[in-house]
Each structure stands twice: as C-alpha cells, then as structure tokens.
Amino acid sequence: MKNYIMGLALAGMIYSAYACTNPSSNNTNTENTEAAAQVNPKFVDSKVNEVYQHYIYLKTALVNDDNKEASAGAQMLASALKDANVNSKYINSMVEAKDLEGKRAKFSELSNELAEIFRKSKLESGVVYKQYCPMANDGNGGYWLASEKKIKNPFYGSKMMSCGSVEEEIK
C-alpha cells in the first residue's frame, strides 16, 4: 500500500512537470472562447489605468523574451508609478536589471505589489487575472497579472509559454 501511495504521488509530480513543459498542454479554455470574452481592463482612475497598461507592456516584453522592450517598459512603468504617486519597492530593480533574468527575478514581487493597488482601485470594465507558475523563481513560484485567462508565462517566455494557472480574478 505504501508503494502504491508513493507511486501516485510520483505520478502527480511527473504530470505537473509535464504540464508545465509540454507546449501543447494548456490549463485554460480554448483561444476562440477567450478572445470573444476578453475585454481589456480599464480603471476609473486614469493614472492607475496608465500604470496597468505599462505593466502589461512590460509583461508582454518578458513573454516575448525581448530585453530591449522590457527595459523600455520598466522605464515607462516607473514613470507612470511616479505620476500616480505610487511608491514601489521593486520597480528600480526592474529598471536597473541589464538582462531578462534580472528583470524576471523581481517580477513576481512587483506583480504582487501592483495587484494590491489594482484590487483597491475601481475597474470600469474588464477583469485582471492574477496568474501563477509553480516553477518560476527556482521552483519557489511566481505571480503575474494579465488581461486574459490564456497563460502566457513571462518567467519562461518561449521556453514554457503555457506553464501556469489563473489564481484570482480582480473585478
């Protein structure tokens, strides 16, 4: 019986690793359904909306493995945060990071910090999806925010695009 339980536990771990490394595996609904349902979130406060849009720009650059655009996105986000009078513990690390790995190292903390701001702000339309990859940050996991349910992993980009799941919907 003990061997049977150990075997089930091992099978579960193998499946989790497979799901995060298999590009055909997808933890979300079909793309057509999501595209029809997707409404880009818009916040009532225009400054918070600008912060969100620059955050999405940065996230998209990380998803696309584009360090030049990620650097530009981090700069724009830092400026938007300043304009909105929002202090961030993590944006300077993102701006100063020279490579994608350095930017990705603080992205989960930045995402969690901004999720708190977005939860407290009023959405005019749309939903912000808080998503999670258990393999990010050397297996410690990592969060990010998205405008769609479809997983596009900013921690691994093209290496493991669909690794992750939706953990929360901010409405």
N, C-alpha and C. Protein backbone atom coordinates (compact mmCIF):
# COMPACT_ATOMS: atom_id res chain seq x y z
N MET A 1 0.83 -1.20 0.00
CA MET A 1 0.00 0.00 0.00
C MET A 1 0.87 1.26 0.00
N LYS A 2 1.94 1.23 0.79
CA LYS A 2 2.86 2.37 0.86
C LYS A 2 3.46 2.65 -0.51
N ASN A 3 3.85 1.60 -1.22
CA ASN A 3 4.43 1.78 -2.56
C ASN A 3 3.40 2.35 -3.53
N TYR A 4 2.14 1.94 -3.39
CA TYR A 4 1.07 2.43 -4.24
C TYR A 4 0.88 3.94 -4.04
N ILE A 5 0.86 4.39 -2.79
CA ILE A 5 0.70 5.81 -2.47
C ILE A 5 1.89 6.61 -2.99
N MET A 6 3.09 6.07 -2.80
CA MET A 6 4.29 6.73 -3.30
C MET A 6 4.24 6.85 -4.82
N GLY A 7 3.74 5.81 -5.47
CA GLY A 7 3.62 5.82 -6.92
C GLY A 7 2.64 6.88 -7.39
N LEU A 8 1.51 7.02 -6.70
CA LEU A 8 0.54 8.06 -7.04
C LEU A 8 1.13 9.45 -6.87
N ALA A 9 1.86 9.66 -5.80
CA ALA A 9 2.49 10.96 -5.54
C ALA A 9 3.50 11.27 -6.64
N LEU A 10 4.30 10.29 -7.02
CA LEU A 10 5.29 10.47 -8.08
C LEU A 10 4.60 10.78 -9.41
N ALA A 11 3.53 10.07 -9.70
CA ALA A 11 2.79 10.30 -10.95
C ALA A 11 2.25 11.74 -10.98
N GLY A 12 1.77 12.24 -9.85
CA GLY A 12 1.27 13.61 -9.79
C GLY A 12 2.36 14.62 -10.05
N MET A 13 3.54 14.38 -9.49
CA MET A 13 4.67 15.30 -9.71
C MET A 13 5.10 15.26 -11.17
N ILE A 14 5.14 14.09 -11.77
CA ILE A 14 5.54 13.97 -13.17
C ILE A 14 4.54 14.70 -14.05
N TYR A 15 3.24 14.53 -13.76
CA TYR A 15 2.22 15.22 -14.55
C TYR A 15 2.38 16.73 -14.44
N SER A 16 2.64 17.25 -13.24
CA SER A 16 2.81 18.69 -13.05
C SER A 16 3.97 19.20 -13.89
N ALA A 17 5.08 18.49 -13.86
CA ALA A 17 6.25 18.90 -14.65
C ALA A 17 5.92 18.81 -16.13
N TYR A 18 5.22 17.75 -16.56
CA TYR A 18 4.84 17.58 -17.96
C TYR A 18 3.94 18.72 -18.41
N ALA A 19 2.96 19.07 -17.60
CA ALA A 19 2.01 20.12 -17.96
C ALA A 19 2.70 21.46 -18.14
N CYS A 20 3.74 21.71 -17.37
CA CYS A 20 4.44 22.99 -17.48
C CYS A 20 5.51 22.99 -18.56
N THR A 21 5.93 21.82 -19.04
CA THR A 21 6.97 21.79 -20.06
C THR A 21 6.44 21.39 -21.42
N ASN A 22 5.21 20.90 -21.50
CA ASN A 22 4.64 20.48 -22.76
C ASN A 22 3.90 21.64 -23.39
N PRO A 23 4.40 22.16 -24.54
CA PRO A 23 3.77 23.32 -25.14
C PRO A 23 2.34 23.06 -25.59
N SER A 24 1.96 21.81 -25.83
CA SER A 24 0.59 21.55 -26.25
C SER A 24 -0.36 21.50 -25.07
N SER A 25 0.20 21.41 -23.85
CA SER A 25 -0.64 21.40 -22.66
C SER A 25 -1.10 22.82 -22.39
N ASN A 26 -2.37 22.97 -22.07
CA ASN A 26 -2.89 24.30 -21.80
C ASN A 26 -3.92 24.19 -20.69
N ASN A 27 -3.75 24.97 -19.64
CA ASN A 27 -4.63 24.90 -18.49
C ASN A 27 -5.82 25.84 -18.61
N THR A 28 -6.12 26.30 -19.80
CA THR A 28 -7.18 27.29 -19.97
C THR A 28 -8.19 26.81 -21.01
N ASN A 29 -9.23 27.59 -21.20
CA ASN A 29 -10.23 27.30 -22.22
C ASN A 29 -9.66 27.55 -23.59
N THR A 30 -10.43 27.27 -24.63
CA THR A 30 -9.95 27.47 -25.98
C THR A 30 -9.74 28.94 -26.27
N GLU A 31 -8.83 29.21 -27.21
CA GLU A 31 -8.50 30.60 -27.54
C GLU A 31 -9.70 31.35 -28.09
N ASN A 32 -10.52 30.71 -28.92
CA ASN A 32 -11.66 31.40 -29.51
C ASN A 32 -12.63 31.90 -28.46
N THR A 33 -12.91 31.08 -27.47
CA THR A 33 -13.83 31.47 -26.40
C THR A 33 -13.25 32.65 -25.63
N GLU A 34 -11.96 32.60 -25.33
CA GLU A 34 -11.33 33.67 -24.56
C GLU A 34 -11.25 34.96 -25.35
N ALA A 35 -10.94 34.87 -26.63
CA ALA A 35 -10.83 36.08 -27.44
C ALA A 35 -12.17 36.80 -27.50
N ALA A 36 -13.24 36.03 -27.58
CA ALA A 36 -14.57 36.64 -27.62
C ALA A 36 -14.92 37.28 -26.28
N ALA A 37 -14.48 36.66 -25.19
CA ALA A 37 -14.85 37.14 -23.86
C ALA A 37 -13.90 38.22 -23.33
N GLN A 38 -12.72 38.37 -23.93
CA GLN A 38 -11.73 39.29 -23.39
C GLN A 38 -12.12 40.75 -23.59
N VAL A 39 -12.06 41.49 -22.51
CA VAL A 39 -12.23 42.93 -22.54
C VAL A 39 -11.04 43.49 -21.77
N ASN A 40 -10.25 44.32 -22.45
CA ASN A 40 -9.10 44.88 -21.75
C ASN A 40 -9.57 45.67 -20.55
N PRO A 41 -9.02 45.38 -19.38
CA PRO A 41 -9.43 46.10 -18.17
C PRO A 41 -9.19 47.60 -18.30
N LYS A 42 -10.13 48.35 -17.74
CA LYS A 42 -9.99 49.81 -17.71
C LYS A 42 -10.38 50.26 -16.31
N PHE A 43 -9.48 51.01 -15.70
CA PHE A 43 -9.72 51.53 -14.36
C PHE A 43 -10.34 52.92 -14.44
N VAL A 44 -11.18 53.26 -13.47
CA VAL A 44 -11.81 54.57 -13.41
C VAL A 44 -10.75 55.66 -13.28
N ASP A 45 -9.75 55.43 -12.41
CA ASP A 45 -8.66 56.38 -12.22
C ASP A 45 -7.69 56.26 -13.40
N SER A 46 -7.57 57.32 -14.18
CA SER A 46 -6.74 57.28 -15.39
C SER A 46 -5.26 57.01 -15.08
N LYS A 47 -4.78 57.46 -13.94
CA LYS A 47 -3.38 57.22 -13.58
C LYS A 47 -3.15 55.75 -13.24
N VAL A 48 -4.08 55.13 -12.56
CA VAL A 48 -3.99 53.70 -12.27
C VAL A 48 -4.10 52.92 -13.59
N ASN A 49 -4.97 53.37 -14.47
CA ASN A 49 -5.11 52.73 -15.78
C ASN A 49 -3.79 52.79 -16.55
N GLU A 50 -3.12 53.92 -16.48
CA GLU A 50 -1.83 54.07 -17.16
C GLU A 50 -0.79 53.13 -16.55
N VAL A 51 -0.77 53.01 -15.23
CA VAL A 51 0.14 52.07 -14.57
C VAL A 51 -0.13 50.66 -15.08
N TYR A 52 -1.40 50.27 -15.14
CA TYR A 52 -1.75 48.92 -15.60
C TYR A 52 -1.29 48.70 -17.03
N GLN A 53 -1.52 49.66 -17.92
CA GLN A 53 -1.14 49.50 -19.32
C GLN A 53 0.37 49.35 -19.48
N HIS A 54 1.14 50.11 -18.71
CA HIS A 54 2.60 49.99 -18.79
C HIS A 54 3.08 48.68 -18.18
N TYR A 55 2.41 48.22 -17.13
CA TYR A 55 2.73 46.91 -16.55
C TYR A 55 2.52 45.82 -17.62
N ILE A 56 1.40 45.87 -18.33
CA ILE A 56 1.10 44.87 -19.37
C ILE A 56 2.15 44.95 -20.49
N TYR A 57 2.59 46.13 -20.83
CA TYR A 57 3.64 46.29 -21.84
C TYR A 57 4.91 45.56 -21.38
N LEU A 58 5.29 45.78 -20.13
CA LEU A 58 6.47 45.12 -19.56
C LEU A 58 6.28 43.61 -19.55
N LYS A 59 5.13 43.15 -19.10
CA LYS A 59 4.86 41.71 -19.04
C LYS A 59 4.95 41.09 -20.43
N THR A 60 4.38 41.76 -21.42
CA THR A 60 4.39 41.25 -22.80
C THR A 60 5.81 41.15 -23.33
N ALA A 61 6.65 42.13 -23.02
CA ALA A 61 8.04 42.08 -23.45
C ALA A 61 8.76 40.89 -22.82
N LEU A 62 8.48 40.59 -21.55
CA LEU A 62 9.07 39.42 -20.90
C LEU A 62 8.56 38.13 -21.55
N VAL A 63 7.28 38.07 -21.85
CA VAL A 63 6.70 36.91 -22.54
C VAL A 63 7.41 36.69 -23.87
N ASN A 64 7.70 37.78 -24.58
CA ASN A 64 8.33 37.72 -25.90
C ASN A 64 9.85 37.61 -25.85
N ASP A 65 10.41 37.46 -24.65
CA ASP A 65 11.88 37.36 -24.48
C ASP A 65 12.61 38.55 -25.10
N ASP A 66 12.04 39.74 -24.98
CA ASP A 66 12.58 40.94 -25.61
C ASP A 66 13.13 41.89 -24.54
N ASN A 67 14.43 41.81 -24.29
CA ASN A 67 15.05 42.60 -23.23
C ASN A 67 14.99 44.10 -23.52
N LYS A 68 15.16 44.49 -24.78
CA LYS A 68 15.12 45.92 -25.13
C LYS A 68 13.74 46.51 -24.80
N GLU A 69 12.68 45.83 -25.19
CA GLU A 69 11.33 46.32 -24.90
C GLU A 69 11.00 46.21 -23.41
N ALA A 70 11.53 45.19 -22.74
CA ALA A 70 11.32 45.07 -21.30
C ALA A 70 11.97 46.24 -20.57
N SER A 71 13.14 46.66 -21.02
CA SER A 71 13.80 47.82 -20.42
C SER A 71 12.97 49.08 -20.63
N ALA A 72 12.47 49.26 -21.85
CA ALA A 72 11.62 50.42 -22.14
C ALA A 72 10.34 50.35 -21.30
N GLY A 73 9.75 49.17 -21.19
CA GLY A 73 8.54 49.00 -20.40
C GLY A 73 8.75 49.31 -18.93
N ALA A 74 9.89 48.87 -18.39
CA ALA A 74 10.20 49.14 -16.98
C ALA A 74 10.35 50.64 -16.75
N GLN A 75 11.00 51.33 -17.68
CA GLN A 75 11.16 52.79 -17.57
C GLN A 75 9.80 53.49 -17.61
N MET A 76 8.94 53.07 -18.55
CA MET A 76 7.61 53.70 -18.67
C MET A 76 6.76 53.41 -17.43
N LEU A 77 6.86 52.20 -16.91
CA LEU A 77 6.11 51.85 -15.71
C LEU A 77 6.60 52.66 -14.51
N ALA A 78 7.90 52.84 -14.39
CA ALA A 78 8.45 53.64 -13.30
C ALA A 78 7.92 55.07 -13.37
N SER A 79 7.86 55.62 -14.57
CA SER A 79 7.34 56.98 -14.75
C SER A 79 5.85 57.05 -14.41
N ALA A 80 5.08 56.05 -14.85
CA ALA A 80 3.64 56.03 -14.56
C ALA A 80 3.39 55.89 -13.06
N LEU A 81 4.19 55.08 -12.38
CA LEU A 81 4.05 54.92 -10.93
C LEU A 81 4.32 56.25 -10.22
N LYS A 82 5.35 56.95 -10.68
CA LYS A 82 5.68 58.25 -10.09
C LYS A 82 4.54 59.23 -10.32
N ASP A 83 4.00 59.27 -11.54
CA ASP A 83 2.87 60.17 -11.86
C ASP A 83 1.64 59.86 -11.01
N ALA A 84 1.47 58.59 -10.66
CA ALA A 84 0.31 58.18 -9.87
C ALA A 84 0.58 58.26 -8.37
N ASN A 85 1.76 58.77 -8.00
CA ASN A 85 2.16 58.85 -6.59
C ASN A 85 2.14 57.50 -5.89
N VAL A 86 2.61 56.47 -6.59
CA VAL A 86 2.68 55.12 -6.05
C VAL A 86 4.15 54.78 -5.83
N ASN A 87 4.48 54.44 -4.59
CA ASN A 87 5.83 54.01 -4.28
C ASN A 87 5.93 52.51 -4.48
N SER A 88 6.97 52.09 -5.20
CA SER A 88 7.19 50.67 -5.47
C SER A 88 8.56 50.28 -4.93
N LYS A 89 8.59 49.17 -4.21
CA LYS A 89 9.87 48.65 -3.70
C LYS A 89 10.66 47.96 -4.80
N TYR A 90 10.01 47.58 -5.90
CA TYR A 90 10.64 46.68 -6.86
C TYR A 90 10.90 47.27 -8.23
N ILE A 91 10.29 48.39 -8.57
CA ILE A 91 10.45 48.91 -9.93
C ILE A 91 11.89 49.31 -10.23
N ASN A 92 12.62 49.85 -9.26
CA ASN A 92 14.00 50.24 -9.53
C ASN A 92 14.86 49.03 -9.89
N SER A 93 14.62 47.89 -9.27
CA SER A 93 15.35 46.66 -9.61
C SER A 93 15.08 46.27 -11.06
N MET A 94 13.84 46.46 -11.48
CA MET A 94 13.47 46.14 -12.86
C MET A 94 14.16 47.08 -13.84
N VAL A 95 14.18 48.37 -13.50
CA VAL A 95 14.79 49.36 -14.38
C VAL A 95 16.30 49.13 -14.47
N GLU A 96 16.94 48.81 -13.36
CA GLU A 96 18.39 48.65 -13.32
C GLU A 96 18.88 47.31 -13.86
N ALA A 97 18.03 46.31 -13.94
CA ALA A 97 18.44 44.98 -14.42
C ALA A 97 18.89 45.08 -15.88
N LYS A 98 20.01 44.46 -16.17
CA LYS A 98 20.60 44.53 -17.52
C LYS A 98 20.05 43.45 -18.45
N ASP A 99 19.57 42.34 -17.90
CA ASP A 99 19.11 41.24 -18.74
C ASP A 99 17.73 40.75 -18.31
N LEU A 100 17.16 39.86 -19.11
CA LEU A 100 15.82 39.34 -18.81
C LEU A 100 15.77 38.62 -17.47
N GLU A 101 16.80 37.85 -17.16
CA GLU A 101 16.81 37.11 -15.90
C GLU A 101 16.74 38.06 -14.71
N GLY A 102 17.46 39.15 -14.79
CA GLY A 102 17.43 40.14 -13.72
C GLY A 102 16.05 40.79 -13.57
N LYS A 103 15.42 41.06 -14.71
CA LYS A 103 14.07 41.64 -14.67
C LYS A 103 13.07 40.63 -14.13
N ARG A 104 13.20 39.40 -14.56
CA ARG A 104 12.27 38.36 -14.13
C ARG A 104 12.42 38.03 -12.64
N ALA A 105 13.61 38.26 -12.09
CA ALA A 105 13.87 37.93 -10.69
C ALA A 105 12.97 38.70 -9.72
N LYS A 106 12.59 39.91 -10.06
CA LYS A 106 11.74 40.74 -9.18
C LYS A 106 10.33 40.92 -9.72
N PHE A 107 10.01 40.27 -10.83
CA PHE A 107 8.72 40.50 -11.47
C PHE A 107 7.55 40.00 -10.62
N SER A 108 7.71 38.89 -9.93
CA SER A 108 6.62 38.38 -9.09
C SER A 108 6.32 39.35 -7.95
N GLU A 109 7.36 39.87 -7.30
CA GLU A 109 7.14 40.82 -6.21
C GLU A 109 6.47 42.08 -6.71
N LEU A 110 6.93 42.58 -7.87
CA LEU A 110 6.31 43.75 -8.47
C LEU A 110 4.84 43.47 -8.79
N SER A 111 4.57 42.30 -9.33
CA SER A 111 3.20 41.92 -9.69
C SER A 111 2.30 41.87 -8.45
N ASN A 112 2.80 41.28 -7.38
CA ASN A 112 2.01 41.22 -6.13
C ASN A 112 1.76 42.61 -5.57
N GLU A 113 2.78 43.46 -5.63
CA GLU A 113 2.65 44.83 -5.15
C GLU A 113 1.57 45.59 -5.95
N LEU A 114 1.61 45.44 -7.26
CA LEU A 114 0.64 46.14 -8.10
C LEU A 114 -0.75 45.52 -7.99
N ALA A 115 -0.83 44.22 -7.76
CA ALA A 115 -2.14 43.57 -7.58
C ALA A 115 -2.89 44.22 -6.42
N GLU A 116 -2.17 44.55 -5.36
CA GLU A 116 -2.81 45.22 -4.21
C GLU A 116 -3.39 46.58 -4.62
N ILE A 117 -2.66 47.31 -5.42
CA ILE A 117 -3.13 48.62 -5.88
C ILE A 117 -4.35 48.45 -6.77
N PHE A 118 -4.32 47.47 -7.67
CA PHE A 118 -5.43 47.26 -8.59
C PHE A 118 -6.68 46.75 -7.86
N ARG A 119 -6.50 45.96 -6.81
CA ARG A 119 -7.64 45.48 -6.01
C ARG A 119 -8.36 46.66 -5.34
N LYS A 120 -7.60 47.65 -4.91
CA LYS A 120 -8.16 48.80 -4.21
C LYS A 120 -8.75 49.84 -5.16
N SER A 121 -8.43 49.72 -6.45
CA SER A 121 -8.91 50.67 -7.45
C SER A 121 -10.19 50.14 -8.09
N LYS A 122 -11.00 51.05 -8.57
CA LYS A 122 -12.26 50.65 -9.18
C LYS A 122 -12.07 50.40 -10.67
N LEU A 123 -12.50 49.20 -11.09
CA LEU A 123 -12.48 48.86 -12.51
C LEU A 123 -13.75 49.37 -13.18
N GLU A 124 -13.57 50.03 -14.30
CA GLU A 124 -14.71 50.48 -15.10
C GLU A 124 -15.22 49.33 -15.96
N SER A 125 -14.28 48.52 -16.47
CA SER A 125 -14.65 47.36 -17.29
C SER A 125 -13.51 46.35 -17.29
N GLY A 126 -13.84 45.12 -17.64
CA GLY A 126 -12.85 44.06 -17.76
C GLY A 126 -12.49 43.41 -16.44
N VAL A 127 -11.55 42.48 -16.53
CA VAL A 127 -11.07 41.70 -15.39
C VAL A 127 -9.55 41.63 -15.47
N VAL A 128 -8.89 41.70 -14.33
CA VAL A 128 -7.44 41.47 -14.25
C VAL A 128 -7.27 40.07 -13.68
N TYR A 129 -6.51 39.24 -14.38
CA TYR A 129 -6.27 37.86 -13.95
C TYR A 129 -4.91 37.78 -13.28
N LYS A 130 -4.90 37.30 -12.05
CA LYS A 130 -3.65 37.04 -11.35
C LYS A 130 -3.29 35.58 -11.63
N GLN A 131 -2.13 35.38 -12.24
CA GLN A 131 -1.73 34.06 -12.68
C GLN A 131 -0.46 33.61 -11.96
N TYR A 132 -0.23 32.30 -11.97
CA TYR A 132 0.84 31.72 -11.15
C TYR A 132 1.54 30.60 -11.89
N CYS A 133 2.86 30.59 -11.81
CA CYS A 133 3.68 29.50 -12.33
C CYS A 133 4.43 28.88 -11.16
N PRO A 134 4.22 27.59 -10.88
CA PRO A 134 4.89 26.96 -9.74
C PRO A 134 6.39 26.74 -9.96
N MET A 135 6.84 26.80 -11.19
CA MET A 135 8.24 26.52 -11.49
C MET A 135 9.12 27.78 -11.51
N ALA A 136 8.50 28.95 -11.55
CA ALA A 136 9.27 30.20 -11.63
C ALA A 136 10.12 30.39 -10.38
N ASN A 137 11.12 31.23 -10.51
CA ASN A 137 11.99 31.59 -9.38
C ASN A 137 12.57 30.36 -8.69
N ASP A 138 13.19 29.52 -9.50
CA ASP A 138 13.86 28.31 -8.99
C ASP A 138 12.93 27.41 -8.20
N GLY A 139 11.69 27.27 -8.66
CA GLY A 139 10.74 26.38 -8.02
C GLY A 139 9.98 27.00 -6.85
N ASN A 140 10.24 28.27 -6.55
CA ASN A 140 9.50 28.95 -5.49
C ASN A 140 8.19 29.53 -5.98
N GLY A 141 7.98 29.53 -7.27
CA GLY A 141 6.75 30.05 -7.86
C GLY A 141 6.83 31.53 -8.12
N GLY A 142 5.93 31.99 -8.99
CA GLY A 142 5.89 33.40 -9.32
C GLY A 142 4.54 33.80 -9.87
N TYR A 143 4.12 35.02 -9.56
CA TYR A 143 2.84 35.57 -9.97
C TYR A 143 3.04 36.64 -11.03
N TRP A 144 1.99 36.83 -11.84
CA TRP A 144 1.93 37.96 -12.75
C TRP A 144 0.46 38.27 -13.01
N LEU A 145 0.22 39.42 -13.63
CA LEU A 145 -1.13 39.88 -13.93
C LEU A 145 -1.33 39.88 -15.43
N ALA A 146 -2.57 39.63 -15.86
CA ALA A 146 -2.86 39.57 -17.29
C ALA A 146 -4.27 40.07 -17.55
N SER A 147 -4.50 40.43 -18.81
CA SER A 147 -5.82 40.88 -19.24
C SER A 147 -6.65 39.74 -19.79
N GLU A 148 -6.06 38.56 -19.91
CA GLU A 148 -6.75 37.40 -20.45
C GLU A 148 -6.47 36.17 -19.60
N LYS A 149 -7.36 35.17 -19.71
CA LYS A 149 -7.18 33.92 -18.96
C LYS A 149 -6.06 33.07 -19.55
N LYS A 150 -5.85 33.17 -20.83
CA LYS A 150 -4.84 32.34 -21.50
C LYS A 150 -3.47 32.62 -20.88
N ILE A 151 -2.79 31.55 -20.52
CA ILE A 151 -1.48 31.67 -19.88
C ILE A 151 -0.42 32.01 -20.92
N LYS A 152 0.30 33.08 -20.64
CA LYS A 152 1.48 33.48 -21.41
C LYS A 152 2.53 33.84 -20.37
N ASN A 153 3.38 32.90 -20.08
CA ASN A 153 4.29 32.96 -18.94
C ASN A 153 5.45 33.93 -19.16
N PRO A 154 5.52 35.02 -18.38
CA PRO A 154 6.62 35.98 -18.52
C PRO A 154 7.93 35.50 -17.90
N PHE A 155 7.89 34.47 -17.07
CA PHE A 155 9.10 33.97 -16.43
C PHE A 155 9.91 33.08 -17.35
N TYR A 156 9.25 32.41 -18.28
CA TYR A 156 9.94 31.49 -19.18
C TYR A 156 9.77 31.83 -20.65
N GLY A 157 8.85 32.72 -20.97
CA GLY A 157 8.66 33.12 -22.36
C GLY A 157 8.47 31.93 -23.27
N SER A 158 9.21 31.89 -24.36
CA SER A 158 9.05 30.83 -25.36
C SER A 158 9.45 29.45 -24.86
N LYS A 159 10.19 29.38 -23.77
CA LYS A 159 10.62 28.07 -23.24
C LYS A 159 9.45 27.28 -22.65
N MET A 160 8.56 27.95 -21.93
CA MET A 160 7.41 27.29 -21.30
C MET A 160 6.23 28.27 -21.29
N MET A 161 5.77 28.62 -22.45
CA MET A 161 4.75 29.66 -22.61
C MET A 161 3.48 29.38 -21.81
N SER A 162 3.04 28.14 -21.76
CA SER A 162 1.73 27.85 -21.16
C SER A 162 1.79 27.32 -19.74
N CYS A 163 2.96 27.41 -19.10
CA CYS A 163 3.09 26.93 -17.72
C CYS A 163 2.43 27.92 -16.78
N GLY A 164 1.40 27.48 -16.06
CA GLY A 164 0.77 28.33 -15.09
C GLY A 164 -0.73 28.13 -15.02
N SER A 165 -1.35 28.89 -14.14
CA SER A 165 -2.79 28.81 -13.96
C SER A 165 -3.31 30.14 -13.44
N VAL A 166 -4.61 30.37 -13.62
CA VAL A 166 -5.25 31.56 -13.08
C VAL A 166 -5.53 31.30 -11.60
N GLU A 167 -5.05 32.17 -10.73
CA GLU A 167 -5.23 32.02 -9.30
C GLU A 167 -6.33 32.94 -8.74
N GLU A 168 -6.57 34.07 -9.42
CA GLU A 168 -7.52 35.04 -8.91
C GLU A 168 -8.02 35.91 -10.05
N GLU A 169 -9.24 36.38 -9.92
CA GLU A 169 -9.80 37.36 -10.84
C GLU A 169 -10.08 38.63 -10.05
N ILE A 170 -9.45 39.72 -10.46
CA ILE A 170 -9.67 41.01 -9.83
C ILE A 170 -10.73 41.73 -10.67
N LYS A 171 -11.88 41.96 -10.04
CA LYS A 171 -13.01 42.55 -10.77
C LYS A 171 -13.37 43.90 -10.18
